[in-house]
Amino acid sequence: ELNSQLVSTLINFMETTSEKQFHLIVLTST
């Protein structure tokens, strides 16, 4: 709600992570 650009940032981050890296995103929500 505070930052609508977060969605595109998350997608870009997950798409650019190489197979030799492990970057796990953990979201919590109500």
All heavy atoms as atom14 arrays in JSON, in Angstrom:
{
  "sequence": "ELNSQLVSTLINFMETTSEKQFHLIVLTST",
  "atom14_mask": [
    [1, 1, 1, 1, 1, 1, 1, 1, 1, 0, 0, 0, 0, 0],
    [1, 1, 1, 1, 1, 1, 1, 1, 0, 0, 0, 0, 0, 0],
    [1, 1, 1, 1, 1, 1, 1, 1, 0, 0, 0, 0, 0, 0],
    [1, 1, 1, 1, 1, 1, 0, 0, 0, 0, 0, 0, 0, 0],
    [1, 1, 1, 1, 1, 1, 1, 1, 1, 0, 0, 0, 0, 0],
    [1, 1, 1, 1, 1, 1, 1, 1, 0, 0, 0, 0, 0, 0],
    [1, 1, 1, 1, 1, 1, 1, 0, 0, 0, 0, 0, 0, 0],
    [1, 1, 1, 1, 1, 1, 0, 0, 0, 0, 0, 0, 0, 0],
    [1, 1, 1, 1, 1, 1, 1, 0, 0, 0, 0, 0, 0, 0],
    [1, 1, 1, 1, 1, 1, 1, 1, 0, 0, 0, 0, 0, 0],
    [1, 1, 1, 1, 1, 1, 1, 1, 0, 0, 0, 0, 0, 0],
    [1, 1, 1, 1, 1, 1, 1, 1, 0, 0, 0, 0, 0, 0],
    [1, 1, 1, 1, 1, 1, 1, 1, 1, 1, 1, 0, 0, 0],
    [1, 1, 1, 1, 1, 1, 1, 1, 0, 0, 0, 0, 0, 0],
    [1, 1, 1, 1, 1, 1, 1, 1, 1, 0, 0, 0, 0, 0],
    [1, 1, 1, 1, 1, 1, 1, 0, 0, 0, 0, 0, 0, 0],
    [1, 1, 1, 1, 1, 1, 1, 0, 0, 0, 0, 0, 0, 0],
    [1, 1, 1, 1, 1, 1, 0, 0, 0, 0, 0, 0, 0, 0],
    [1, 1, 1, 1, 1, 1, 1, 1, 1, 0, 0, 0, 0, 0],
    [1, 1, 1, 1, 1, 1, 1, 1, 1, 0, 0, 0, 0, 0],
    [1, 1, 1, 1, 1, 1, 1, 1, 1, 0, 0, 0, 0, 0],
    [1, 1, 1, 1, 1, 1, 1, 1, 1, 1, 1, 0, 0, 0],
    [1, 1, 1, 1, 1, 1, 1, 1, 1, 1, 0, 0, 0, 0],
    [1, 1, 1, 1, 1, 1, 1, 1, 0, 0, 0, 0, 0, 0],
    [1, 1, 1, 1, 1, 1, 1, 1, 0, 0, 0, 0, 0, 0],
    [1, 1, 1, 1, 1, 1, 1, 0, 0, 0, 0, 0, 0, 0],
    [1, 1, 1, 1, 1, 1, 1, 1, 0, 0, 0, 0, 0, 0],
    [1, 1, 1, 1, 1, 1, 1, 0, 0, 0, 0, 0, 0, 0],
    [1, 1, 1, 1, 1, 1, 0, 0, 0, 0, 0, 0, 0, 0],
    [1, 1, 1, 1, 1, 1, 1, 0, 0, 0, 0, 0, 0, 0]
  ],
  "atom14_positions": [
    [[0.84, -1.21, 0.0], [0.0, 0.0, 0.0], [0.87, 1.25, 0.0], [0.51, 2.27, -0.58], [-0.91, 0.0, 1.23], [-2.07, -0.99, 1.14], [-2.98, -0.91, 2.35], [-2.75, -0.03, 3.2], [-3.92, -1.72, 2.43], [0.0, 0.0, 0.0], [0.0, 0.0, 0.0], [0.0, 0.0, 0.0], [0.0, 0.0, 0.0], [0.0, 0.0, 0.0]],
    [[2.04, 1.17, 0.64], [2.92, 2.33, 0.74], [3.86, 2.44, -0.46], [4.34, 3.53, -0.76], [3.76, 2.23, 2.03], [2.97, 2.34, 3.34], [3.86, 1.97, 4.52], [2.42, 3.74, 3.52], [0.0, 0.0, 0.0], [0.0, 0.0, 0.0], [0.0, 0.0, 0.0], [0.0, 0.0, 0.0], [0.0, 0.0, 0.0], [0.0, 0.0, 0.0]],
    [[4.12, 1.31, -1.11], [5.04, 1.34, -2.24], [4.59, 0.34, -3.29], [4.88, -0.85, -3.2], [6.47, 1.02, -1.77], [7.5, 1.34, -2.83], [7.34, 0.97, -3.98], [8.56, 2.03, -2.44], [0.0, 0.0, 0.0], [0.0, 0.0, 0.0], [0.0, 0.0, 0.0], [0.0, 0.0, 0.0], [0.0, 0.0, 0.0], [0.0, 0.0, 0.0]],
    [[3.91, 0.84, -4.3], [3.36, -0.03, -5.35], [4.44, -0.62, -6.25], [4.19, -1.57, -6.99], [2.36, 0.76, -6.2], [2.99, 1.89, -6.79], [0.0, 0.0, 0.0], [0.0, 0.0, 0.0], [0.0, 0.0, 0.0], [0.0, 0.0, 0.0], [0.0, 0.0, 0.0], [0.0, 0.0, 0.0], [0.0, 0.0, 0.0], [0.0, 0.0, 0.0]],
    [[5.65, -0.06, -6.22], [6.73, -0.56, -7.06], [7.37, -1.84, -6.52], [8.2, -2.46, -7.19], [7.81, 0.5, -7.23], [7.35, 1.73, -7.99], [8.48, 2.71, -8.23], [9.64, 2.32, -8.35], [8.15, 3.99, -8.28], [0.0, 0.0, 0.0], [0.0, 0.0, 0.0], [0.0, 0.0, 0.0], [0.0, 0.0, 0.0], [0.0, 0.0, 0.0]],
    [[6.97, -2.24, -5.32], [7.58, -3.41, -4.71], [7.35, -4.67, -5.55], [8.24, -5.52, -5.64], [7.04, -3.62, -3.3], [7.59, -4.83, -2.54], [9.09, -4.73, -2.37], [6.9, -4.98, -1.18], [0.0, 0.0, 0.0], [0.0, 0.0, 0.0], [0.0, 0.0, 0.0], [0.0, 0.0, 0.0], [0.0, 0.0, 0.0], [0.0, 0.0, 0.0]],
    [[6.18, -4.79, -6.17], [5.87, -5.97, -6.97], [6.89, -6.14, -8.09], [7.48, -7.22, -8.27], [4.44, -5.9, -7.55], [4.22, -7.04, -8.55], [3.41, -5.99, -6.44], [0.0, 0.0, 0.0], [0.0, 0.0, 0.0], [0.0, 0.0, 0.0], [0.0, 0.0, 0.0], [0.0, 0.0, 0.0], [0.0, 0.0, 0.0], [0.0, 0.0, 0.0]],
    [[7.12, -5.09, -8.86], [8.07, -5.17, -9.97], [9.49, -5.4, -9.47], [10.28, -6.11, -10.1], [8.02, -3.9, -10.83], [8.31, -2.75, -10.05], [0.0, 0.0, 0.0], [0.0, 0.0, 0.0], [0.0, 0.0, 0.0], [0.0, 0.0, 0.0], [0.0, 0.0, 0.0], [0.0, 0.0, 0.0], [0.0, 0.0, 0.0], [0.0, 0.0, 0.0]],
    [[9.82, -4.84, -8.3], [11.15, -5.05, -7.71], [11.35, -6.51, -7.34], [12.41, -7.09, -7.6], [11.33, -4.16, -6.46], [11.16, -2.79, -6.82], [12.71, -4.35, -5.86], [0.0, 0.0, 0.0], [0.0, 0.0, 0.0], [0.0, 0.0, 0.0], [0.0, 0.0, 0.0], [0.0, 0.0, 0.0], [0.0, 0.0, 0.0], [0.0, 0.0, 0.0]],
    [[10.33, -7.12, -6.74], [10.41, -8.52, -6.36], [10.57, -9.42, -7.58], [11.42, -10.32, -7.6], [9.16, -8.93, -5.57], [9.03, -8.42, -4.13], [7.64, -8.71, -3.58], [10.08, -9.06, -3.25], [0.0, 0.0, 0.0], [0.0, 0.0, 0.0], [0.0, 0.0, 0.0], [0.0, 0.0, 0.0], [0.0, 0.0, 0.0], [0.0, 0.0, 0.0]],
    [[9.75, -9.17, -8.59], [9.81, -10.0, -9.8], [11.17, -9.87, -10.47], [11.79, -10.88, -10.86], [8.69, -9.59, -10.79], [7.32, -10.01, -10.22], [8.91, -10.22, -12.16], [6.15, -9.54, -11.03], [0.0, 0.0, 0.0], [0.0, 0.0, 0.0], [0.0, 0.0, 0.0], [0.0, 0.0, 0.0], [0.0, 0.0, 0.0], [0.0, 0.0, 0.0]],
    [[11.67, -8.65, -10.6], [12.98, -8.43, -11.23], [14.08, -9.13, -10.45], [14.98, -9.75, -11.04], [13.26, -6.93, -11.32], [14.6, -6.64, -12.0], [14.81, -6.93, -13.16], [15.51, -6.06, -11.22], [0.0, 0.0, 0.0], [0.0, 0.0, 0.0], [0.0, 0.0, 0.0], [0.0, 0.0, 0.0], [0.0, 0.0, 0.0], [0.0, 0.0, 0.0]],
    [[14.01, -9.05, -9.13], [15.02, -9.67, -8.28], [15.03, -11.19, -8.47], [16.09, -11.8, -8.62], [14.75, -9.33, -6.82], [15.77, -9.89, -5.86], [16.99, -9.27, -5.68], [15.49, -11.03, -5.13], [17.93, -9.78, -4.8], [16.42, -11.56, -4.24], [17.65, -10.92, -4.08], [0.0, 0.0, 0.0], [0.0, 0.0, 0.0], [0.0, 0.0, 0.0]],
    [[13.84, -11.8, -8.47], [13.76, -13.26, -8.61], [14.2, -13.71, -9.99], [14.77, -14.79, -10.15], [12.35, -13.74, -8.29], [12.01, -13.67, -6.79], [10.37, -14.33, -6.37], [9.35, -12.91, -6.78], [0.0, 0.0, 0.0], [0.0, 0.0, 0.0], [0.0, 0.0, 0.0], [0.0, 0.0, 0.0], [0.0, 0.0, 0.0], [0.0, 0.0, 0.0]],
    [[13.93, -12.89, -10.99], [14.3, -13.27, -12.37], [15.78, -13.12, -12.65], [16.32, -13.79, -13.53], [13.49, -12.43, -13.37], [12.02, -12.82, -13.43], [11.25, -11.99, -14.44], [11.77, -10.93, -14.84], [10.11, -12.39, -14.79], [0.0, 0.0, 0.0], [0.0, 0.0, 0.0], [0.0, 0.0, 0.0], [0.0, 0.0, 0.0], [0.0, 0.0, 0.0]],
    [[16.45, -12.23, -11.93], [17.86, -11.98, -12.2], [18.81, -12.78, -11.3], [20.02, -12.75, -11.51], [18.18, -10.48, -12.04], [17.76, -10.03, -10.73], [17.5, -9.66, -13.11], [0.0, 0.0, 0.0], [0.0, 0.0, 0.0], [0.0, 0.0, 0.0], [0.0, 0.0, 0.0], [0.0, 0.0, 0.0], [0.0, 0.0, 0.0], [0.0, 0.0, 0.0]],
    [[18.25, -13.49, -10.31], [19.1, -14.34, -9.47], [19.61, -15.52, -10.3], [18.84, -16.21, -10.95], [18.3, -14.87, -8.26], [17.93, -13.76, -7.43], [19.14, -15.84, -7.44], [0.0, 0.0, 0.0], [0.0, 0.0, 0.0], [0.0, 0.0, 0.0], [0.0, 0.0, 0.0], [0.0, 0.0, 0.0], [0.0, 0.0, 0.0], [0.0, 0.0, 0.0]],
    [[20.92, -15.75, -10.29], [21.51, -16.83, -11.09], [21.3, -18.18, -10.4], [20.95, -18.25, -9.22], [23.0, -16.58, -11.29], [23.72, -16.9, -10.11], [0.0, 0.0, 0.0], [0.0, 0.0, 0.0], [0.0, 0.0, 0.0], [0.0, 0.0, 0.0], [0.0, 0.0, 0.0], [0.0, 0.0, 0.0], [0.0, 0.0, 0.0], [0.0, 0.0, 0.0]],
    [[21.52, -19.23, -11.16], [21.36, -20.59, -10.62], [22.43, -20.93, -9.6], [22.31, -21.92, -8.89], [21.36, -21.62, -11.75], [20.11, -21.56, -12.63], [20.03, -22.73, -13.58], [21.02, -23.5, -13.66], [18.98, -22.88, -14.24], [0.0, 0.0, 0.0], [0.0, 0.0, 0.0], [0.0, 0.0, 0.0], [0.0, 0.0, 0.0], [0.0, 0.0, 0.0]],
    [[23.49, -20.15, -9.54], [24.55, -20.38, -8.57], [24.35, -19.56, -7.3], [25.19, -19.57, -6.4], [25.92, -20.06, -9.19], [26.3, -20.99, -10.34], [26.35, -22.45, -9.87], [26.75, -23.38, -11.0], [26.78, -24.8, -10.56], [0.0, 0.0, 0.0], [0.0, 0.0, 0.0], [0.0, 0.0, 0.0], [0.0, 0.0, 0.0], [0.0, 0.0, 0.0]],
    [[23.23, -18.83, -7.25], [22.89, -18.06, -6.06], [21.6, -18.6, -5.47], [20.78, -19.2, -6.17], [22.69, -16.58, -6.4], [23.95, -15.85, -6.82], [23.66, -14.41, -7.2], [22.82, -14.13, -8.04], [24.35, -13.48, -6.55], [0.0, 0.0, 0.0], [0.0, 0.0, 0.0], [0.0, 0.0, 0.0], [0.0, 0.0, 0.0], [0.0, 0.0, 0.0]],
    [[21.44, -18.39, -4.17], [20.17, -18.76, -3.54], [19.67, -17.57, -2.72], [20.19, -17.26, -1.65], [20.32, -19.99, -2.65], [19.04, -20.34, -1.95], [17.93, -20.73, -2.69], [18.93, -20.25, -0.57], [16.74, -21.04, -2.05], [17.74, -20.56, 0.06], [16.64, -20.96, -0.67], [0.0, 0.0, 0.0], [0.0, 0.0, 0.0], [0.0, 0.0, 0.0]],
    [[18.69, -16.89, -3.29], [18.08, -15.74, -2.62], [16.61, -16.06, -2.41], [15.84, -16.08, -3.37], [18.24, -14.48, -3.46], [19.66, -14.07, -3.66], [20.12, -13.54, -4.84], [20.73, -14.14, -2.83], [21.42, -13.27, -4.73], [21.8, -13.63, -3.52], [0.0, 0.0, 0.0], [0.0, 0.0, 0.0], [0.0, 0.0, 0.0], [0.0, 0.0, 0.0]],
    [[16.24, -16.31, -1.19], [14.86, -16.7, -0.88], [14.1, -15.53, -0.3], [14.53, -14.92, 0.69], [14.85, -17.87, 0.1], [13.47, -18.35, 0.56], [12.7, -18.95, -0.63], [13.6, -19.36, 1.68], [0.0, 0.0, 0.0], [0.0, 0.0, 0.0], [0.0, 0.0, 0.0], [0.0, 0.0, 0.0], [0.0, 0.0, 0.0], [0.0, 0.0, 0.0]],
    [[12.96, -15.21, -0.89], [12.1, -14.15, -0.37], [11.0, -14.78, 0.48], [10.29, -15.68, 0.04], [11.49, -13.33, -1.52], [12.59, -12.58, -2.26], [10.45, -12.35, -0.99], [12.13, -11.86, -3.51], [0.0, 0.0, 0.0], [0.0, 0.0, 0.0], [0.0, 0.0, 0.0], [0.0, 0.0, 0.0], [0.0, 0.0, 0.0], [0.0, 0.0, 0.0]],
    [[10.87, -14.3, 1.7], [9.84, -14.79, 2.61], [8.92, -13.62, 2.97], [9.36, -12.61, 3.53], [10.45, -15.38, 3.89], [9.34, -15.86, 4.84], [11.39, -16.54, 3.56], [0.0, 0.0, 0.0], [0.0, 0.0, 0.0], [0.0, 0.0, 0.0], [0.0, 0.0, 0.0], [0.0, 0.0, 0.0], [0.0, 0.0, 0.0], [0.0, 0.0, 0.0]],
    [[7.66, -13.76, 2.61], [6.66, -12.74, 2.91], [5.74, -13.25, 4.02], [5.39, -14.43, 4.05], [5.82, -12.42, 1.68], [6.55, -12.12, 0.36], [5.53, -11.87, -0.75], [7.47, -10.93, 0.52], [0.0, 0.0, 0.0], [0.0, 0.0, 0.0], [0.0, 0.0, 0.0], [0.0, 0.0, 0.0], [0.0, 0.0, 0.0], [0.0, 0.0, 0.0]],
    [[5.34, -12.35, 4.92], [4.3, -12.69, 5.89], [3.14, -11.72, 5.71], [3.35, -10.53, 5.42], [4.83, -12.64, 7.34], [5.56, -11.42, 7.54], [5.74, -13.81, 7.62], [0.0, 0.0, 0.0], [0.0, 0.0, 0.0], [0.0, 0.0, 0.0], [0.0, 0.0, 0.0], [0.0, 0.0, 0.0], [0.0, 0.0, 0.0], [0.0, 0.0, 0.0]],
    [[1.95, -12.25, 5.89], [0.75, -11.44, 5.6], [-0.42, -11.89, 6.45], [-0.55, -13.08, 6.79], [0.39, -11.57, 4.12], [-0.86, -10.97, 3.84], [0.0, 0.0, 0.0], [0.0, 0.0, 0.0], [0.0, 0.0, 0.0], [0.0, 0.0, 0.0], [0.0, 0.0, 0.0], [0.0, 0.0, 0.0], [0.0, 0.0, 0.0], [0.0, 0.0, 0.0]],
    [[-1.29, -10.95, 6.78], [-2.54, -11.28, 7.45], [-3.7, -11.37, 6.47], [-4.79, -11.79, 6.83], [-2.88, -10.23, 8.54], [-2.95, -8.94, 7.92], [-1.83, -10.21, 9.64], [0.0, 0.0, 0.0], [0.0, 0.0, 0.0], [0.0, 0.0, 0.0], [0.0, 0.0, 0.0], [0.0, 0.0, 0.0], [0.0, 0.0, 0.0], [0.0, 0.0, 0.0]]
  ]
}
